[in-house]
């Protein structure tokens, strides 16, 4: 395993993860729990979201850019997509429109993650088809509310 990295990002949480050739070493819940697609180009943010989501009992797949997010959404039909606003290759508005353009994807909730809290950005996000909007740094309590709103609660989730 690689060297530990402490990530200070969300609220007052300090999380240390170990990375190696197999990715993040943390306990996941692969049996029939909801699948969340994290579309984020910053590795530290992806790692932190993966850690938080897996601790709550969700399965997680990742995409580093908009094109990969569209492919993953089509191939895996996740239960929720957390999508960064500043994705390379295909911006989040185009990616969301393409995901929403697929009949079977209309029911997948898309939550935008952004560092911009401007009303015009919010309006554009909802016009593109997102279901919720979280401003970075993401507050863990707000993330939990969004997860509970869009996904069925899982028994035995660890917080």
C-alpha atoms as a PDB file:
ATOM      1  CA  UNK A   1       0.000   0.000   0.000  1.00  0.00           C
ATOM      2  CA  UNK A   2       1.074   3.558  -0.626  1.00  0.00           C
ATOM      3  CA  UNK A   3       1.713   6.207   1.968  1.00  0.00           C
ATOM      4  CA  UNK A   4      -1.269   7.501   3.949  1.00  0.00           C
ATOM      5  CA  UNK A   5      -2.759  10.821   2.831  1.00  0.00           C
ATOM      6  CA  UNK A   6      -4.835  12.940   5.151  1.00  0.00           C
ATOM      7  CA  UNK A   7      -7.624  14.752   3.370  1.00  0.00           C
ATOM      8  CA  UNK A   8      -9.125  17.803   5.046  1.00  0.00           C
ATOM      9  CA  UNK A   9     -12.025  18.855   2.891  1.00  0.00           C
ATOM     10  CA  UNK A  10     -15.555  18.457   4.152  1.00  0.00           C
ATOM     11  CA  UNK A  11     -16.722  20.227   7.281  1.00  0.00           C
ATOM     12  CA  UNK A  12     -14.435  19.309  10.154  1.00  0.00           C
ATOM     13  CA  UNK A  13     -13.708  15.765   9.031  1.00  0.00           C
ATOM     14  CA  UNK A  14     -10.109  14.662   8.702  1.00  0.00           C
ATOM     15  CA  UNK A  15      -9.906  11.387   6.840  1.00  0.00           C
ATOM     16  CA  UNK A  16      -6.801   9.324   6.239  1.00  0.00           C
ATOM     17  CA  UNK A  17      -6.866   6.816   3.399  1.00  0.00           C
ATOM     18  CA  UNK A  18      -4.189   4.519   2.048  1.00  0.00           C
ATOM     19  CA  UNK A  19      -3.876   4.190  -1.679  1.00  0.00           C
ATOM     20  CA  UNK A  20      -2.201   1.442  -3.588  1.00  0.00           C
ATOM     21  CA  UNK A  21      -2.519  -0.389  -6.868  1.00  0.00           C
ATOM     22  CA  UNK A  22      -6.042  -1.490  -5.944  1.00  0.00           C
ATOM     23  CA  UNK A  23      -7.304   2.008  -5.080  1.00  0.00           C
ATOM     24  CA  UNK A  24      -8.602   3.095  -1.698  1.00  0.00           C
ATOM     25  CA  UNK A  25      -8.466   0.657   1.194  1.00  0.00           C
ATOM     26  CA  UNK A  26     -11.802   1.046   2.953  1.00  0.00           C
ATOM     27  CA  UNK A  27     -14.708  -1.227   3.660  1.00  0.00           C
ATOM     28  CA  UNK A  28     -17.374  -1.182   0.980  1.00  0.00           C
ATOM     29  CA  UNK A  29     -20.767  -2.838   0.888  1.00  0.00           C
ATOM     30  CA  UNK A  30     -21.054  -4.573  -2.490  1.00  0.00           C
ATOM     31  CA  UNK A  31     -24.280  -6.506  -1.856  1.00  0.00           C
ATOM     32  CA  UNK A  32     -27.327  -4.866  -3.433  1.00  0.00           C
ATOM     33  CA  UNK A  33     -26.650  -1.418  -2.019  1.00  0.00           C
ATOM     34  CA  UNK A  34     -27.298   1.621  -4.224  1.00  0.00           C
ATOM     35  CA  UNK A  35     -24.617   2.464  -6.768  1.00  0.00           C
ATOM     36  CA  UNK A  36     -23.349   6.069  -6.836  1.00  0.00           C
ATOM     37  CA  UNK A  37     -21.348   7.430  -9.770  1.00  0.00           C
ATOM     38  CA  UNK A  38     -18.898  10.124  -8.629  1.00  0.00           C
ATOM     39  CA  UNK A  39     -17.927  12.233 -11.652  1.00  0.00           C
ATOM     40  CA  UNK A  40     -15.101  14.443 -10.398  1.00  0.00           C
ATOM     41  CA  UNK A  41     -11.750  15.365 -11.937  1.00  0.00           C
ATOM     42  CA  UNK A  42      -9.915  16.012  -8.634  1.00  0.00           C
ATOM     43  CA  UNK A  43      -8.585  12.777  -7.167  1.00  0.00           C
ATOM     44  CA  UNK A  44      -8.658  13.991  -3.549  1.00  0.00           C
ATOM     45  CA  UNK A  45     -12.348  14.887  -3.823  1.00  0.00           C
ATOM     46  CA  UNK A  46     -13.137  11.531  -5.469  1.00  0.00           C
ATOM     47  CA  UNK A  47     -11.302   9.674  -2.700  1.00  0.00           C
ATOM     48  CA  UNK A  48     -13.084  11.591   0.021  1.00  0.00           C
ATOM     49  CA  UNK A  49     -16.530  11.143  -1.543  1.00  0.00           C
ATOM     50  CA  UNK A  50     -15.821   7.437  -2.076  1.00  0.00           C
ATOM     51  CA  UNK A  51     -14.827   7.075   1.576  1.00  0.00           C
ATOM     52  CA  UNK A  52     -17.901   8.923   2.880  1.00  0.00           C
ATOM     53  CA  UNK A  53     -20.291   7.067   0.572  1.00  0.00           C
ATOM     54  CA  UNK A  54     -18.838   3.624   1.248  1.00  0.00           C
ATOM     55  CA  UNK A  55     -18.980   4.257   5.007  1.00  0.00           C
ATOM     56  CA  UNK A  56     -22.691   4.860   4.521  1.00  0.00           C
ATOM     57  CA  UNK A  57     -23.175   1.566   2.704  1.00  0.00           C
ATOM     58  CA  UNK A  58     -23.179   2.697  -0.927  1.00  0.00           C
ATOM     59  CA  UNK A  59     -21.222   1.182  -3.791  1.00  0.00           C
ATOM     60  CA  UNK A  60     -19.169   3.740  -5.717  1.00  0.00           C
ATOM     61  CA  UNK A  61     -17.824   4.006  -9.251  1.00  0.00           C
ATOM     62  CA  UNK A  62     -15.798   6.937 -10.474  1.00  0.00           C
ATOM     63  CA  UNK A  63     -15.425   9.006 -13.620  1.00  0.00           C
ATOM     64  CA  UNK A  64     -12.657  11.580 -14.129  1.00  0.00           C
ATOM     65  CA  UNK A  65     -14.316  13.501 -16.973  1.00  0.00           C
ATOM     66  CA  UNK A  66     -17.669  14.136 -18.627  1.00  0.00           C
ATOM     67  CA  UNK A  67     -17.218  11.576 -21.415  1.00  0.00           C
ATOM     68  CA  UNK A  68     -16.431   8.839 -18.899  1.00  0.00           C
ATOM     69  CA  UNK A  69     -19.446   9.898 -16.790  1.00  0.00           C
ATOM     70  CA  UNK A  70     -21.759   9.526 -19.788  1.00  0.00           C
ATOM     71  CA  UNK A  71     -20.277   6.080 -20.602  1.00  0.00           C
ATOM     72  CA  UNK A  72     -20.506   4.884 -16.966  1.00  0.00           C
ATOM     73  CA  UNK A  73     -24.095   6.123 -16.645  1.00  0.00           C
ATOM     74  CA  UNK A  74     -25.096   4.257 -19.812  1.00  0.00           C
ATOM     75  CA  UNK A  75     -23.234   1.056 -18.927  1.00  0.00           C
ATOM     76  CA  UNK A  76     -24.005   0.808 -15.208  1.00  0.00           C
ATOM     77  CA  UNK A  77     -27.272   2.728 -14.675  1.00  0.00           C
ATOM     78  CA  UNK A  78     -26.227   4.030 -11.231  1.00  0.00           C
ATOM     79  CA  UNK A  79     -28.832   4.952  -8.640  1.00  0.00           C
ATOM     80  CA  UNK A  80     -27.377   8.473  -8.235  1.00  0.00           C
ATOM     81  CA  UNK A  81     -24.759  10.623  -9.963  1.00  0.00           C
ATOM     82  CA  UNK A  82     -22.654  13.186  -8.098  1.00  0.00           C
ATOM     83  CA  UNK A  83     -21.233  15.354 -10.889  1.00  0.00           C
ATOM     84  CA  UNK A  84     -18.608  18.063 -10.578  1.00  0.00           C
ATOM     85  CA  UNK A  85     -19.403  21.253 -12.469  1.00  0.00           C
ATOM     86  CA  UNK A  86     -15.878  21.670 -13.883  1.00  0.00           C
ATOM     87  CA  UNK A  87     -15.381  18.337 -15.637  1.00  0.00           C
ATOM     88  CA  UNK A  88     -12.914  18.154 -18.537  1.00  0.00           C
ATOM     89  CA  UNK A  89     -13.746  16.821 -22.047  1.00  0.00           C
ATOM     90  CA  UNK A  90     -17.524  17.240 -21.733  1.00  0.00           C
ATOM     91  CA  UNK A  91     -18.856  19.868 -19.379  1.00  0.00           C
ATOM     92  CA  UNK A  92     -21.458  18.910 -16.775  1.00  0.00           C
ATOM     93  CA  UNK A  93     -24.315  20.581 -18.663  1.00  0.00           C
ATOM     94  CA  UNK A  94     -23.624  18.627 -21.868  1.00  0.00           C
ATOM     95  CA  UNK A  95     -22.978  15.407 -19.941  1.00  0.00           C
ATOM     96  CA  UNK A  96     -26.232  15.767 -17.991  1.00  0.00           C
ATOM     97  CA  UNK A  97     -28.207  16.506 -21.154  1.00  0.00           C
ATOM     98  CA  UNK A  98     -26.699  13.415 -22.821  1.00  0.00           C
ATOM     99  CA  UNK A  99     -27.457  11.250 -19.774  1.00  0.00           C
ATOM    100  CA  UNK A 100     -31.000  12.645 -19.612  1.00  0.00           C
ATOM    101  CA  UNK A 101     -31.411  12.010 -23.349  1.00  0.00           C
ATOM    102  CA  UNK A 102     -31.283   8.254 -22.767  1.00  0.00           C
ATOM    103  CA  UNK A 103     -34.756   6.931 -21.892  1.00  0.00           C
ATOM    104  CA  UNK A 104     -33.572   4.553 -19.167  1.00  0.00           C
ATOM    105  CA  UNK A 105     -31.459   7.323 -17.561  1.00  0.00           C
ATOM    106  CA  UNK A 106     -34.308   9.748 -16.929  1.00  0.00           C
ATOM    107  CA  UNK A 107     -34.840   8.293 -13.478  1.00  0.00           C
ATOM    108  CA  UNK A 108     -31.198   8.627 -12.332  1.00  0.00           C
ATOM    109  CA  UNK A 109     -30.915  11.599  -9.973  1.00  0.00           C
ATOM    110  CA  UNK A 110     -28.035  13.917 -10.894  1.00  0.00           C
ATOM    111  CA  UNK A 111     -26.542  16.115  -8.166  1.00  0.00           C
ATOM    112  CA  UNK A 112     -24.133  18.856  -9.239  1.00  0.00           C
ATOM    113  CA  UNK A 113     -21.094  19.604  -7.075  1.00  0.00           C
ATOM    114  CA  UNK A 114     -19.624  23.066  -7.485  1.00  0.00           C
ATOM    115  CA  UNK A 115     -17.560  25.733  -5.806  1.00  0.00           C
ATOM    116  CA  UNK A 116     -19.830  28.368  -7.341  1.00  0.00           C
ATOM    117  CA  UNK A 117     -22.985  29.387  -5.523  1.00  0.00           C
ATOM    118  CA  UNK A 118     -24.203  31.993  -8.006  1.00  0.00           C
ATOM    119  CA  UNK A 119     -27.937  31.983  -8.855  1.00  0.00           C
ATOM    120  CA  UNK A 120     -27.204  31.906 -12.614  1.00  0.00           C
ATOM    121  CA  UNK A 121     -25.099  28.744 -12.181  1.00  0.00           C
ATOM    122  CA  UNK A 122     -27.882  27.131 -10.168  1.00  0.00           C
ATOM    123  CA  UNK A 123     -30.478  28.010 -12.794  1.00  0.00           C
ATOM    124  CA  UNK A 124     -28.310  26.622 -15.608  1.00  0.00           C
ATOM    125  CA  UNK A 125     -27.745  23.415 -13.641  1.00  0.00           C
ATOM    126  CA  UNK A 126     -31.445  22.817 -13.073  1.00  0.00           C
ATOM    127  CA  UNK A 127     -32.233  23.749 -16.681  1.00  0.00           C
ATOM    128  CA  UNK A 128     -29.743  21.070 -17.783  1.00  0.00           C
ATOM    129  CA  UNK A 129     -31.620  18.472 -15.758  1.00  0.00           C
ATOM    130  CA  UNK A 130     -29.874  18.176 -12.412  1.00  0.00           C
ATOM    131  CA  UNK A 131     -32.002  17.174  -9.436  1.00  0.00           C
ATOM    132  CA  UNK A 132     -29.949  18.811  -6.687  1.00  0.00           C
ATOM    133  CA  UNK A 133     -27.036  21.178  -6.266  1.00  0.00           C
ATOM    134  CA  UNK A 134     -24.320  21.074  -3.573  1.00  0.00           C
ATOM    135  CA  UNK A 135     -21.695  23.766  -3.088  1.00  0.00           C
ATOM    136  CA  UNK A 136     -18.112  22.739  -2.264  1.00  0.00           C
ATOM    137  CA  UNK A 137     -16.703  22.235   0.190  1.00  0.00           C
ATOM    138  CA  UNK A 138     -19.610  19.854   0.618  1.00  0.00           C
ATOM    139  CA  UNK A 139     -21.170  19.827   4.060  1.00  0.00           C
ATOM    140  CA  UNK A 140     -21.539  16.200   5.204  1.00  0.00           C
ATOM    141  CA  UNK A 141     -24.994  16.886   6.669  1.00  0.00           C
ATOM    142  CA  UNK A 142     -26.182  18.368   3.369  1.00  0.00           C
ATOM    143  CA  UNK A 143     -24.759  15.402   1.472  1.00  0.00           C
ATOM    144  CA  UNK A 144     -26.602  13.047   3.823  1.00  0.00           C
ATOM    145  CA  UNK A 145     -29.859  14.948   3.202  1.00  0.00           C
ATOM    146  CA  UNK A 146     -29.383  14.660  -0.572  1.00  0.00           C
ATOM    147  CA  UNK A 147     -28.616  10.935  -0.302  1.00  0.00           C
ATOM    148  CA  UNK A 148     -31.680  10.333   1.855  1.00  0.00           C
ATOM    149  CA  UNK A 149     -33.845  12.397  -0.496  1.00  0.00           C
ATOM    150  CA  UNK A 150     -32.837  10.511  -3.644  1.00  0.00           C
ATOM    151  CA  UNK A 151     -31.916   7.023  -2.406  1.00  0.00           C
ATOM    152  CA  UNK A 152     -33.700   4.505  -0.237  1.00  0.00           C
ATOM    153  CA  UNK A 153     -32.175   4.273   3.250  1.00  0.00           C
ATOM    154  CA  UNK A 154     -29.931   1.258   3.772  1.00  0.00           C
ATOM    155  CA  UNK A 155     -30.219  -0.805   6.924  1.00  0.00           C
ATOM    156  CA  UNK A 156     -27.043  -1.020   8.951  1.00  0.00           C
ATOM    157  CA  UNK A 157     -25.329   1.961   7.354  1.00  0.00           C
ATOM    158  CA  UNK A 158     -22.213   2.970   9.242  1.00  0.00           C
ATOM    159  CA  UNK A 159     -21.781   6.711   9.832  1.00  0.00           C
END
